[in-house]
Amino acid sequence: MENKQEIELYLGECTGCGACIELSPIFFAWDEYNERPILLQTIATQEDLEITINFCPGDCIALGKSK
């Protein structure tokens, strides 16, 4: 069984590069009004987001509490 966790998105250091949206479009979208990514889903596994977490230049994405 996969360990699902809450996705944590910290926008303070976000560069707006859009990598999260390109790499994980089922989890992230672009908020045109705030010019920042938003979450489409709040739960994921480490496997689901490992590449996206490692690619984010602002270290804005993390996985938190287990579900």
PDB file of N, CA and C in Angstrom:
ATOM      1  N   MET A   1       0.827  -1.184   0.000  1.00  0.00           N
ATOM      2  CA  MET A   1       0.000   0.000   0.000  1.00  0.00           C
ATOM      3  C   MET A   1       0.875   1.253   0.000  1.00  0.00           C
ATOM      4  N   GLU A   2       0.511   2.206  -0.848  1.00  0.00           N
ATOM      5  CA  GLU A   2       1.281   3.429  -0.965  1.00  0.00           C
ATOM      6  C   GLU A   2       0.990   4.374   0.195  1.00  0.00           C
ATOM      7  N   ASN A   3       2.001   5.074   0.656  1.00  0.00           N
ATOM      8  CA  ASN A   3       1.864   6.022   1.750  1.00  0.00           C
ATOM      9  C   ASN A   3       1.477   7.393   1.189  1.00  0.00           C
ATOM     10  N   LYS A   4       0.213   7.749   1.306  1.00  0.00           N
ATOM     11  CA  LYS A   4      -0.267   9.032   0.806  1.00  0.00           C
ATOM     12  C   LYS A   4      -0.068  10.098   1.869  1.00  0.00           C
ATOM     13  N   GLN A   5       0.352  11.267   1.424  1.00  0.00           N
ATOM     14  CA  GLN A   5       0.636  12.372   2.329  1.00  0.00           C
ATOM     15  C   GLN A   5       0.046  13.663   1.783  1.00  0.00           C
ATOM     16  N   GLU A   6      -0.140  14.629   2.676  1.00  0.00           N
ATOM     17  CA  GLU A   6      -0.609  15.951   2.270  1.00  0.00           C
ATOM     18  C   GLU A   6       0.485  16.670   1.489  1.00  0.00           C
ATOM     19  N   ILE A   7       0.099  17.331   0.415  1.00  0.00           N
ATOM     20  CA  ILE A   7       1.031  18.157  -0.344  1.00  0.00           C
ATOM     21  C   ILE A   7       1.093  19.524   0.329  1.00  0.00           C
ATOM     22  N   GLU A   8       2.298  19.983   0.596  1.00  0.00           N
ATOM     23  CA  GLU A   8       2.500  21.307   1.178  1.00  0.00           C
ATOM     24  C   GLU A   8       3.137  22.194   0.121  1.00  0.00           C
ATOM     25  N   LEU A   9       2.540  23.347  -0.109  1.00  0.00           N
ATOM     26  CA  LEU A   9       3.018  24.276  -1.124  1.00  0.00           C
ATOM     27  C   LEU A   9       3.362  25.600  -0.447  1.00  0.00           C
ATOM     28  N   TYR A  10       4.651  25.953  -0.462  1.00  0.00           N
ATOM     29  CA  TYR A  10       5.155  27.165   0.179  1.00  0.00           C
ATOM     30  C   TYR A  10       5.492  28.190  -0.916  1.00  0.00           C
ATOM     31  N   LEU A  11       4.640  29.174  -1.079  1.00  0.00           N
ATOM     32  CA  LEU A  11       4.785  30.087  -2.206  1.00  0.00           C
ATOM     33  C   LEU A  11       5.720  31.259  -1.955  1.00  0.00           C
ATOM     34  N   GLY A  12       6.192  31.433  -0.744  1.00  0.00           N
ATOM     35  CA  GLY A  12       7.084  32.541  -0.429  1.00  0.00           C
ATOM     36  C   GLY A  12       8.353  32.555  -1.251  1.00  0.00           C
ATOM     37  N   GLU A  13       8.865  31.400  -1.573  1.00  0.00           N
ATOM     38  CA  GLU A  13      10.104  31.297  -2.346  1.00  0.00           C
ATOM     39  C   GLU A  13       9.853  30.917  -3.810  1.00  0.00           C
ATOM     40  N   CYS A  14       8.590  30.883  -4.223  1.00  0.00           N
ATOM     41  CA  CYS A  14       8.237  30.468  -5.584  1.00  0.00           C
ATOM     42  C   CYS A  14       8.795  31.459  -6.607  1.00  0.00           C
ATOM     43  N   THR A  15       9.458  30.935  -7.627  1.00  0.00           N
ATOM     44  CA  THR A  15      10.010  31.771  -8.694  1.00  0.00           C
ATOM     45  C   THR A  15       9.034  31.923  -9.855  1.00  0.00           C
ATOM     46  N   GLY A  16       7.942  31.158  -9.834  1.00  0.00           N
ATOM     47  CA  GLY A  16       6.972  31.216 -10.917  1.00  0.00           C
ATOM     48  C   GLY A  16       7.444  30.531 -12.185  1.00  0.00           C
ATOM     49  N   CYS A  17       8.376  29.617 -12.056  1.00  0.00           N
ATOM     50  CA  CYS A  17       8.952  28.952 -13.232  1.00  0.00           C
ATOM     51  C   CYS A  17       7.963  28.021 -13.941  1.00  0.00           C
ATOM     52  N   GLY A  18       6.969  27.511 -13.216  1.00  0.00           N
ATOM     53  CA  GLY A  18       5.969  26.639 -13.818  1.00  0.00           C
ATOM     54  C   GLY A  18       6.376  25.184 -13.955  1.00  0.00           C
ATOM     55  N   ALA A  19       7.517  24.817 -13.402  1.00  0.00           N
ATOM     56  CA  ALA A  19       7.982  23.429 -13.516  1.00  0.00           C
ATOM     57  C   ALA A  19       6.991  22.455 -12.884  1.00  0.00           C
ATOM     58  N   CYS A  20       6.417  22.829 -11.760  1.00  0.00           N
ATOM     59  CA  CYS A  20       5.471  21.933 -11.087  1.00  0.00           C
ATOM     60  C   CYS A  20       4.273  21.622 -11.988  1.00  0.00           C
ATOM     61  N   ILE A  21       3.816  22.617 -12.716  1.00  0.00           N
ATOM     62  CA  ILE A  21       2.671  22.443 -13.603  1.00  0.00           C
ATOM     63  C   ILE A  21       3.043  21.566 -14.791  1.00  0.00           C
ATOM     64  N   GLU A  22       4.224  21.770 -15.337  1.00  0.00           N
ATOM     65  CA  GLU A  22       4.688  20.968 -16.471  1.00  0.00           C
ATOM     66  C   GLU A  22       4.946  19.515 -16.081  1.00  0.00           C
ATOM     67  N   LEU A  23       5.548  19.317 -14.901  1.00  0.00           N
ATOM     68  CA  LEU A  23       5.920  17.971 -14.474  1.00  0.00           C
ATOM     69  C   LEU A  23       4.780  17.191 -13.826  1.00  0.00           C
ATOM     70  N   SER A  24       3.851  17.890 -13.182  1.00  0.00           N
ATOM     71  CA  SER A  24       2.766  17.219 -12.447  1.00  0.00           C
ATOM     72  C   SER A  24       1.430  17.945 -12.654  1.00  0.00           C
ATOM     73  N   PRO A  25       0.934  17.961 -13.889  1.00  0.00           N
ATOM     74  CA  PRO A  25      -0.288  18.716 -14.171  1.00  0.00           C
ATOM     75  C   PRO A  25      -1.545  18.172 -13.496  1.00  0.00           C
ATOM     76  N   ILE A  26      -1.504  16.949 -12.992  1.00  0.00           N
ATOM     77  CA  ILE A  26      -2.682  16.455 -12.268  1.00  0.00           C
ATOM     78  C   ILE A  26      -2.717  16.981 -10.832  1.00  0.00           C
ATOM     79  N   PHE A  27      -1.616  17.538 -10.371  1.00  0.00           N
ATOM     80  CA  PHE A  27      -1.541  18.070  -9.010  1.00  0.00           C
ATOM     81  C   PHE A  27      -1.502  19.600  -8.960  1.00  0.00           C
ATOM     82  N   PHE A  28      -0.998  20.251 -10.012  1.00  0.00           N
ATOM     83  CA  PHE A  28      -0.790  21.698  -9.997  1.00  0.00           C
ATOM     84  C   PHE A  28      -1.387  22.373 -11.229  1.00  0.00           C
ATOM     85  N   ALA A  29      -1.844  23.606 -11.039  1.00  0.00           N
ATOM     86  CA  ALA A  29      -2.306  24.469 -12.132  1.00  0.00           C
ATOM     87  C   ALA A  29      -1.792  25.876 -11.854  1.00  0.00           C
ATOM     88  N   TRP A  30      -1.973  26.769 -12.826  1.00  0.00           N
ATOM     89  CA  TRP A  30      -1.498  28.137 -12.681  1.00  0.00           C
ATOM     90  C   TRP A  30      -2.663  29.047 -12.349  1.00  0.00           C
ATOM     91  N   ASP A  31      -2.501  29.842 -11.293  1.00  0.00           N
ATOM     92  CA  ASP A  31      -3.484  30.836 -10.898  1.00  0.00           C
ATOM     93  C   ASP A  31      -3.100  32.153 -11.573  1.00  0.00           C
ATOM     94  N   GLU A  32      -3.840  32.518 -12.612  1.00  0.00           N
ATOM     95  CA  GLU A  32      -3.528  33.728 -13.377  1.00  0.00           C
ATOM     96  C   GLU A  32      -3.633  34.990 -12.530  1.00  0.00           C
ATOM     97  N   TYR A  33      -4.576  35.024 -11.608  1.00  0.00           N
ATOM     98  CA  TYR A  33      -4.792  36.217 -10.788  1.00  0.00           C
ATOM     99  C   TYR A  33      -3.605  36.483  -9.860  1.00  0.00           C
ATOM    100  N   ASN A  34      -3.133  35.448  -9.171  1.00  0.00           N
ATOM    101  CA  ASN A  34      -2.016  35.590  -8.228  1.00  0.00           C
ATOM    102  C   ASN A  34      -0.662  35.302  -8.851  1.00  0.00           C
ATOM    103  N   GLU A  35      -0.657  34.815 -10.079  1.00  0.00           N
ATOM    104  CA  GLU A  35       0.570  34.454 -10.793  1.00  0.00           C
ATOM    105  C   GLU A  35       1.439  33.490  -9.998  1.00  0.00           C
ATOM    106  N   ARG A  36       0.792  32.457  -9.480  1.00  0.00           N
ATOM    107  CA  ARG A  36       1.460  31.420  -8.704  1.00  0.00           C
ATOM    108  C   ARG A  36       0.754  30.091  -8.949  1.00  0.00           C
ATOM    109  N   PRO A  37       1.429  28.979  -8.688  1.00  0.00           N
ATOM    110  CA  PRO A  37       0.770  27.682  -8.821  1.00  0.00           C
ATOM    111  C   PRO A  37      -0.252  27.456  -7.707  1.00  0.00           C
ATOM    112  N   ILE A  38      -1.233  26.647  -8.008  1.00  0.00           N
ATOM    113  CA  ILE A  38      -2.220  26.221  -7.017  1.00  0.00           C
ATOM    114  C   ILE A  38      -2.322  24.705  -7.056  1.00  0.00           C
ATOM    115  N   LEU A  39      -2.821  24.146  -5.977  1.00  0.00           N
ATOM    116  CA  LEU A  39      -3.002  22.700  -5.894  1.00  0.00           C
ATOM    117  C   LEU A  39      -4.345  22.294  -6.479  1.00  0.00           C
ATOM    118  N   LEU A  40      -4.328  21.258  -7.307  1.00  0.00           N
ATOM    119  CA  LEU A  40      -5.562  20.659  -7.810  1.00  0.00           C
ATOM    120  C   LEU A  40      -5.959  19.470  -6.948  1.00  0.00           C
ATOM    121  N   GLN A  41      -4.964  18.841  -6.335  1.00  0.00           N
ATOM    122  CA  GLN A  41      -5.170  17.730  -5.405  1.00  0.00           C
ATOM    123  C   GLN A  41      -4.311  18.006  -4.186  1.00  0.00           C
ATOM    124  N   THR A  42      -4.738  17.509  -3.044  1.00  0.00           N
ATOM    125  CA  THR A  42      -4.000  17.805  -1.812  1.00  0.00           C
ATOM    126  C   THR A  42      -3.273  16.595  -1.236  1.00  0.00           C
ATOM    127  N   ILE A  43      -3.461  15.425  -1.823  1.00  0.00           N
ATOM    128  CA  ILE A  43      -2.853  14.189  -1.321  1.00  0.00           C
ATOM    129  C   ILE A  43      -2.070  13.519  -2.445  1.00  0.00           C
ATOM    130  N   ALA A  44      -0.861  13.031  -2.123  1.00  0.00           N
ATOM    131  CA  ALA A  44      -0.023  12.342  -3.108  1.00  0.00           C
ATOM    132  C   ALA A  44       0.943  11.405  -2.396  1.00  0.00           C
ATOM    133  N   THR A  45       1.593  10.565  -3.175  1.00  0.00           N
ATOM    134  CA  THR A  45       2.658   9.726  -2.637  1.00  0.00           C
ATOM    135  C   THR A  45       4.007  10.360  -2.989  1.00  0.00           C
ATOM    136  N   GLN A  46       5.038   9.933  -2.305  1.00  0.00           N
ATOM    137  CA  GLN A  46       6.394  10.398  -2.615  1.00  0.00           C
ATOM    138  C   GLN A  46       6.723  10.102  -4.078  1.00  0.00           C
ATOM    139  N   GLU A  47       6.323   8.941  -4.540  1.00  0.00           N
ATOM    140  CA  GLU A  47       6.583   8.552  -5.927  1.00  0.00           C
ATOM    141  C   GLU A  47       5.894   9.495  -6.911  1.00  0.00           C
ATOM    142  N   ASP A  48       4.676   9.924  -6.580  1.00  0.00           N
ATOM    143  CA  ASP A  48       3.924  10.839  -7.449  1.00  0.00           C
ATOM    144  C   ASP A  48       4.680  12.139  -7.696  1.00  0.00           C
ATOM    145  N   LEU A  49       5.343  12.671  -6.672  1.00  0.00           N
ATOM    146  CA  LEU A  49       5.913  14.016  -6.758  1.00  0.00           C
ATOM    147  C   LEU A  49       7.427  14.094  -6.599  1.00  0.00           C
ATOM    148  N   GLU A  50       8.094  12.979  -6.539  1.00  0.00           N
ATOM    149  CA  GLU A  50       9.535  12.993  -6.276  1.00  0.00           C
ATOM    150  C   GLU A  50      10.319  13.865  -7.264  1.00  0.00           C
ATOM    151  N   ILE A  51      10.071  13.710  -8.545  1.00  0.00           N
ATOM    152  CA  ILE A  51      10.801  14.492  -9.550  1.00  0.00           C
ATOM    153  C   ILE A  51      10.452  15.972  -9.428  1.00  0.00           C
ATOM    154  N   THR A  52       9.174  16.266  -9.234  1.00  0.00           N
ATOM    155  CA  THR A  52       8.735  17.657  -9.123  1.00  0.00           C
ATOM    156  C   THR A  52       9.328  18.331  -7.894  1.00  0.00           C
ATOM    157  N   ILE A  53       9.312  17.653  -6.764  1.00  0.00           N
ATOM    158  CA  ILE A  53       9.900  18.200  -5.536  1.00  0.00           C
ATOM    159  C   ILE A  53      11.380  18.501  -5.737  1.00  0.00           C
ATOM    160  N   ASN A  54      12.101  17.583  -6.336  1.00  0.00           N
ATOM    161  CA  ASN A  54      13.541  17.763  -6.535  1.00  0.00           C
ATOM    162  C   ASN A  54      13.862  18.832  -7.576  1.00  0.00           C
ATOM    163  N   PHE A  55      12.954  19.064  -8.527  1.00  0.00           N
ATOM    164  CA  PHE A  55      13.201  20.020  -9.598  1.00  0.00           C
ATOM    165  C   PHE A  55      12.882  21.455  -9.201  1.00  0.00           C
ATOM    166  N   CYS A  56      12.009  21.658  -8.228  1.00  0.00           N
ATOM    167  CA  CYS A  56      11.550  22.995  -7.850  1.00  0.00           C
ATOM    168  C   CYS A  56      12.727  23.851  -7.368  1.00  0.00           C
ATOM    169  N   PRO A  57      13.027  24.970  -8.072  1.00  0.00           N
ATOM    170  CA  PRO A  57      14.184  25.778  -7.672  1.00  0.00           C
ATOM    171  C   PRO A  57      13.991  26.526  -6.351  1.00  0.00           C
ATOM    172  N   GLY A  58      12.756  26.732  -5.924  1.00  0.00           N
ATOM    173  CA  GLY A  58      12.507  27.442  -4.682  1.00  0.00           C
ATOM    174  C   GLY A  58      12.236  26.532  -3.499  1.00  0.00           C
ATOM    175  N   ASP A  59      12.334  25.207  -3.719  1.00  0.00           N
ATOM    176  CA  ASP A  59      12.013  24.228  -2.675  1.00  0.00           C
ATOM    177  C   ASP A  59      10.636  24.521  -2.057  1.00  0.00           C
ATOM    178  N   CYS A  60       9.656  24.758  -2.909  1.00  0.00           N
ATOM    179  CA  CYS A  60       8.316  25.161  -2.473  1.00  0.00           C
ATOM    180  C   CYS A  60       7.367  23.998  -2.219  1.00  0.00           C
ATOM    181  N   ILE A  61       7.746  22.807  -2.612  1.00  0.00           N
ATOM    182  CA  ILE A  61       6.848  21.653  -2.537  1.00  0.00           C
ATOM    183  C   ILE A  61       7.403  20.628  -1.551  1.00  0.00           C
ATOM    184  N   ALA A  62       6.540  20.149  -0.677  1.00  0.00           N
ATOM    185  CA  ALA A  62       6.933  19.112   0.280  1.00  0.00           C
ATOM    186  C   ALA A  62       5.727  18.220   0.543  1.00  0.00           C
ATOM    187  N   LEU A  63       6.000  17.076   1.121  1.00  0.00           N
ATOM    188  CA  LEU A  63       4.933  16.188   1.557  1.00  0.00           C
ATOM    189  C   LEU A  63       4.953  16.187   3.082  1.00  0.00           C
ATOM    190  N   GLY A  64       3.768  16.300   3.664  1.00  0.00           N
ATOM    191  CA  GLY A  64       3.664  16.411   5.105  1.00  0.00           C
ATOM    192  C   GLY A  64       3.023  15.217   5.750  1.00  0.00           C
ATOM    193  N   LYS A  65       1.960  15.452   6.482  1.00  0.00           N
ATOM    194  CA  LYS A  65       1.288  14.417   7.278  1.00  0.00           C
ATOM    195  C   LYS A  65       0.801  13.270   6.425  1.00  0.00           C
ATOM    196  N   SER A  66       0.970  12.065   6.929  1.00  0.00           N
ATOM    197  CA  SER A  66       0.469  10.863   6.254  1.00  0.00           C
ATOM    198  C   SER A  66      -1.041  10.801   6.361  1.00  0.00           C
ATOM    199  N   LYS A  67      -1.633  10.244   5.333  1.00  0.00           N
ATOM    200  CA  LYS A  67      -3.091  10.046   5.291  1.00  0.00           C
ATOM    201  C   LYS A  67      -3.413   8.573   5.237  1.00  0.00           C
TER     202      LYS A  67
END
